[in-house]
């Protein structure tokens, strides 16, 4: 009898450990454009500012915090235009070593805020975010998030902005082509303690332009041009991978005209 009890107890402990290690993370996504107006054509783009709000949680309300992040992928409504390749580019390593002054003028493309939890060490940490246009990665434009937390040192997270084929997205509500993808590095706390877990990120691109010569005339090209079509709403969706291996999906719609 005693041997049976020990075996059952060991199995229960193992199951509890697995459930804690692979607690299901959750995510939310909100996309907004300003203005919410389509472009007349690829040659006559409507400049827009893009706001992206992402939240991260845990399906278990009793959990101290969600699992830490490993990857975030967001797909955007088809027909938009991203012109990062035409803008001045910041070097991520120089930015991390020397701060924003290391980036060339015109490479700053947005700003935002973030919150994180580092239980049981610190319940909440706030960070100020600055977005920079990064150097291409394999020919693909990049965006650098420069995060300055309340405590600890600044960190950088580099993501790619890649245009792919049009595919069904947001549970079939529309089609997407551009994909924004970030591999999130570990955010360590104290030795022996879990990595910090991101709770929210809120970013918005600046309304910035680059001037180029076309047919003898100087034209202003926006960082982001609105999609050329609108059926009443634009769509986006996301998939988040957490450090424990779990994934979570979310989608968003935004009115357009």
Protein backbone atom coordinates (compact mmCIF):
# COMPACT_ATOMS: atom_id res chain seq x y z
CA UNK A 1 0.00 0.00 0.00
CA UNK A 2 2.76 2.42 0.95
CA UNK A 3 4.54 1.76 -2.36
CA UNK A 4 1.33 2.49 -4.29
CA UNK A 5 0.84 5.77 -2.40
CA UNK A 6 4.40 6.86 -3.19
CA UNK A 7 3.93 6.10 -6.90
CA UNK A 8 0.61 7.99 -7.05
CA UNK A 9 2.10 10.95 -5.18
CA UNK A 10 5.04 11.06 -7.58
CA UNK A 11 2.69 11.04 -10.57
CA UNK A 12 0.64 13.91 -9.10
CA UNK A 13 3.76 15.97 -8.49
CA UNK A 14 4.86 15.35 -12.08
CA UNK A 15 1.47 16.41 -13.47
CA UNK A 16 1.49 19.59 -11.38
CA UNK A 17 5.00 20.42 -12.58
CA UNK A 18 3.97 19.93 -16.24
CA UNK A 19 0.86 22.06 -15.83
CA UNK A 20 2.90 24.88 -14.31
CA UNK A 21 5.65 24.66 -16.91
CA UNK A 22 3.20 24.73 -19.81
CA UNK A 23 0.54 27.12 -18.46
CA UNK A 24 -1.42 28.44 -21.42
CA UNK A 25 -0.58 32.02 -22.31
CA UNK A 26 -3.18 34.32 -23.89
CA UNK A 27 -2.93 37.41 -26.08
CA UNK A 28 -5.00 40.31 -27.39
CA UNK A 29 -4.46 42.49 -30.45
CA UNK A 30 -5.73 45.96 -31.40
CA UNK A 31 -4.78 47.70 -34.64
CA UNK A 32 -5.73 51.30 -35.49
CA UNK A 33 -4.85 53.56 -38.42
CA UNK A 34 -4.90 57.36 -38.55
CA UNK A 35 -6.58 58.34 -40.80
CA UNK A 36 -8.71 55.27 -41.57
CA UNK A 37 -8.83 56.16 -45.25
CA UNK A 38 -7.73 54.03 -48.20
CA UNK A 39 -5.12 55.09 -50.76
CA UNK A 40 -6.32 56.15 -54.20
CA UNK A 41 -3.60 54.03 -55.80
CA UNK A 42 -0.05 52.79 -55.24
CA UNK A 43 1.15 56.06 -56.78
CA UNK A 44 -1.17 58.19 -54.62
CA UNK A 45 -0.72 56.79 -51.14
CA UNK A 46 -2.66 58.00 -48.12
CA UNK A 47 -0.03 58.40 -45.35
CA UNK A 48 -1.15 56.67 -42.15
CA UNK A 49 0.07 56.25 -38.61
CA UNK A 50 -0.22 52.68 -37.40
CA UNK A 51 -1.00 51.93 -33.75
CA UNK A 52 -0.44 48.39 -32.48
CA UNK A 53 -1.56 47.42 -28.98
CA UNK A 54 -0.78 43.89 -27.80
CA UNK A 55 -1.60 42.33 -24.44
CA UNK A 56 -0.32 39.11 -22.87
CA UNK A 57 -1.95 37.12 -20.09
CA UNK A 58 -2.49 33.68 -18.66
CA UNK A 59 -5.51 31.42 -19.02
CA UNK A 60 -5.10 30.55 -15.33
CA UNK A 61 -6.26 33.61 -13.34
CA UNK A 62 -4.38 32.43 -10.27
CA UNK A 63 -1.03 32.52 -12.10
CA UNK A 64 1.31 35.27 -10.96
CA UNK A 65 2.15 36.27 -14.52
CA UNK A 66 2.00 34.91 -18.09
CA UNK A 67 4.89 32.90 -19.54
CA UNK A 68 7.72 35.01 -20.94
CA UNK A 69 7.68 35.82 -24.66
CA UNK A 70 9.66 34.06 -27.35
CA UNK A 71 8.15 35.29 -30.65
CA UNK A 72 5.43 37.66 -31.90
CA UNK A 73 4.11 37.56 -35.48
CA UNK A 74 1.49 40.03 -36.77
CA UNK A 75 -0.10 39.93 -40.24
CA UNK A 76 -1.64 43.05 -41.80
CA UNK A 77 -4.44 43.73 -44.27
CA UNK A 78 -3.46 43.32 -47.92
CA UNK A 79 -2.68 46.28 -50.15
CA UNK A 80 -0.72 48.48 -47.78
CA UNK A 81 2.77 49.83 -48.50
CA UNK A 82 5.77 49.92 -46.17
CA UNK A 83 8.66 52.12 -47.37
CA UNK A 84 11.26 51.46 -44.67
CA UNK A 85 13.88 50.60 -47.29
CA UNK A 86 13.86 54.25 -48.43
CA UNK A 87 14.44 55.77 -44.97
CA UNK A 88 17.72 56.32 -43.06
CA UNK A 89 18.70 53.19 -41.15
CA UNK A 90 19.90 52.67 -37.59
CA UNK A 91 22.43 50.04 -36.51
CA UNK A 92 20.93 48.00 -33.63
CA UNK A 93 24.30 47.26 -32.01
CA UNK A 94 25.34 50.92 -32.03
CA UNK A 95 21.93 51.93 -30.71
CA UNK A 96 22.23 49.53 -27.77
CA UNK A 97 25.80 50.64 -27.00
CA UNK A 98 25.39 54.40 -27.37
CA UNK A 99 21.67 55.20 -27.27
CA UNK A 100 19.47 57.04 -29.78
CA UNK A 101 22.18 59.58 -30.61
CA UNK A 102 23.91 56.78 -32.53
CA UNK A 103 21.07 56.62 -35.05
CA UNK A 104 20.99 58.89 -38.11
CA UNK A 105 18.47 61.69 -38.42
CA UNK A 106 15.23 60.48 -39.95
CA UNK A 107 15.58 56.89 -38.72
CA UNK A 108 13.24 57.36 -35.74
CA UNK A 109 9.82 56.12 -36.87
CA UNK A 110 7.65 55.81 -33.75
CA UNK A 111 7.26 55.54 -30.00
CA UNK A 112 5.31 53.69 -27.34
CA UNK A 113 5.20 52.14 -23.89
CA UNK A 114 5.36 48.66 -22.38
CA UNK A 115 4.77 46.95 -19.06
CA UNK A 116 6.29 43.75 -17.73
CA UNK A 117 6.14 41.60 -14.61
CA UNK A 118 9.07 39.94 -12.89
CA UNK A 119 7.41 37.97 -10.11
CA UNK A 120 8.38 37.25 -7.41
CA UNK A 121 11.12 39.88 -7.64
CA UNK A 122 9.19 42.89 -9.00
CA UNK A 123 5.41 42.96 -9.62
CA UNK A 124 5.50 45.56 -12.38
CA UNK A 125 8.03 47.37 -14.57
CA UNK A 126 7.25 50.16 -17.05
CA UNK A 127 9.31 50.93 -20.14
CA UNK A 128 9.44 53.73 -22.70
CA UNK A 129 9.77 52.50 -26.29
CA UNK A 130 11.27 54.23 -29.31
CA UNK A 131 10.99 52.74 -32.79
CA UNK A 132 13.79 53.03 -35.33
CA UNK A 133 14.07 51.97 -38.95
CA UNK A 134 16.74 49.27 -38.90
CA UNK A 135 19.24 47.88 -41.35
CA UNK A 136 17.90 45.20 -43.73
CA UNK A 137 18.16 41.56 -42.67
CA UNK A 138 18.64 39.32 -45.66
CA UNK A 139 17.27 42.11 -47.85
CA UNK A 140 14.16 42.44 -45.65
CA UNK A 141 13.38 45.78 -43.89
CA UNK A 142 13.63 45.76 -40.10
CA UNK A 143 12.19 47.71 -37.17
CA UNK A 144 14.13 48.18 -33.94
CA UNK A 145 12.34 48.58 -30.62
CA UNK A 146 14.57 50.44 -28.17
CA UNK A 147 13.18 49.85 -24.68
CA UNK A 148 14.22 51.85 -21.62
CA UNK A 149 12.75 50.27 -18.46
CA UNK A 150 12.24 51.98 -15.11
CA UNK A 151 14.98 49.78 -13.76
CA UNK A 152 17.79 47.84 -15.44
CA UNK A 153 19.56 48.69 -18.69
CA UNK A 154 18.00 49.47 -22.11
CA UNK A 155 17.47 46.62 -24.54
CA UNK A 156 16.75 46.31 -28.25
CA UNK A 157 14.38 43.95 -30.07
CA UNK A 158 14.70 43.68 -33.85
CA UNK A 159 11.81 42.61 -36.07
CA UNK A 160 11.40 42.10 -39.81
CA UNK A 161 8.71 43.60 -42.06
CA UNK A 162 8.26 41.19 -44.93
CA UNK A 163 5.72 41.31 -47.73
CA UNK A 164 4.45 37.88 -48.69
CA UNK A 165 1.65 36.43 -50.82
CA UNK A 166 -1.94 37.37 -50.04
CA UNK A 167 -3.41 34.79 -47.68
CA UNK A 168 -6.65 34.45 -45.75
CA UNK A 169 -6.32 35.84 -42.23
CA UNK A 170 -8.31 36.93 -39.16
CA UNK A 171 -10.46 33.77 -39.29
CA UNK A 172 -11.34 34.37 -42.93
CA UNK A 173 -12.51 37.97 -42.46
CA UNK A 174 -10.01 39.23 -45.04
CA UNK A 175 -6.60 38.77 -46.63
CA UNK A 176 -3.18 39.80 -45.36
CA UNK A 177 0.24 40.21 -46.98
CA UNK A 178 2.74 42.15 -44.84
CA UNK A 179 4.12 40.20 -41.85
CA UNK A 180 5.82 41.83 -38.85
CA UNK A 181 7.88 39.28 -36.91
CA UNK A 182 9.87 39.75 -33.68
CA UNK A 183 12.09 37.20 -31.95
CA UNK A 184 12.03 38.32 -28.32
CA UNK A 185 15.27 37.86 -26.33
CA UNK A 186 15.29 36.69 -22.73
CA UNK A 187 14.72 39.46 -20.18
CA UNK A 188 16.58 38.15 -17.12
CA UNK A 189 15.90 39.25 -13.56
CA UNK A 190 17.85 37.85 -10.59
CA UNK A 191 19.90 34.64 -10.76
CA UNK A 192 17.68 31.60 -10.32
CA UNK A 193 14.48 33.59 -10.96
CA UNK A 194 12.18 33.43 -14.04
CA UNK A 195 12.62 35.82 -16.96
CA UNK A 196 10.47 38.93 -16.93
CA UNK A 197 7.14 38.50 -18.75
CA UNK A 198 5.84 41.25 -21.04
CA UNK A 199 2.25 42.23 -20.16
CA UNK A 200 1.47 45.01 -22.66
CA UNK A 201 3.07 46.85 -25.57
CA UNK A 202 1.57 49.96 -27.14
CA UNK A 203 3.27 51.53 -30.15
CA UNK A 204 2.40 54.09 -32.79
CA UNK A 205 4.39 55.04 -35.86
CA UNK A 206 5.22 58.69 -36.52
CA UNK A 207 3.85 60.48 -39.56
CA UNK A 208 7.21 60.69 -41.31
CA UNK A 209 8.26 61.12 -44.93
CA UNK A 210 11.37 60.84 -47.05
CA UNK A 211 11.97 63.08 -50.05
CA UNK A 212 12.98 61.52 -53.35
CA UNK A 213 13.46 62.77 -56.89
CA UNK A 214 11.00 61.40 -59.45
CA UNK A 215 10.92 62.61 -63.03
CA UNK A 216 12.75 65.79 -62.06
CA UNK A 217 10.37 66.57 -59.20
CA UNK A 218 10.80 66.16 -55.45
CA UNK A 219 8.09 63.98 -53.92
CA UNK A 220 7.33 63.08 -50.31
CA UNK A 221 7.04 59.34 -49.70
CA UNK A 222 5.38 58.21 -46.43
CA UNK A 223 6.72 55.46 -44.21
CA UNK A 224 3.36 53.65 -44.39
CA UNK A 225 0.71 53.97 -47.09
CA UNK A 226 -2.84 52.79 -46.49
CA UNK A 227 -4.24 49.80 -48.40
CA UNK A 228 -5.80 50.65 -51.75
CA UNK A 229 -9.06 48.83 -51.00
CA UNK A 230 -11.63 49.09 -48.21
CA UNK A 231 -14.69 46.90 -47.72
CA UNK A 232 -15.68 48.69 -44.52
CA UNK A 233 -12.90 47.25 -42.38
CA UNK A 234 -9.25 46.29 -42.40
CA UNK A 235 -8.09 43.17 -40.61
CA UNK A 236 -5.02 41.86 -38.83
CA UNK A 237 -4.13 38.83 -36.77
CA UNK A 238 -1.28 37.59 -34.60
CA UNK A 239 0.30 34.47 -33.18
CA UNK A 240 2.42 34.60 -30.05
CA UNK A 241 4.86 31.93 -28.92
CA UNK A 242 5.76 31.84 -25.24
CA UNK A 243 8.93 30.56 -23.66
CA UNK A 244 7.19 27.47 -22.30
CA UNK A 245 6.20 26.36 -25.80
CA UNK A 246 2.55 27.43 -25.68
CA UNK A 247 1.05 29.65 -28.38
CA UNK A 248 -1.88 32.05 -28.51
CA UNK A 249 -3.76 33.75 -31.35
CA UNK A 250 -5.65 37.02 -31.63
CA UNK A 251 -7.22 39.15 -34.36
CA UNK A 252 -8.34 42.72 -34.85
CA UNK A 253 -10.52 44.72 -37.21
CA UNK A 254 -10.47 48.48 -37.85
CA UNK A 255 -13.07 50.55 -39.66
CA UNK A 256 -11.99 52.18 -42.93
CA UNK A 257 -13.47 54.27 -45.67
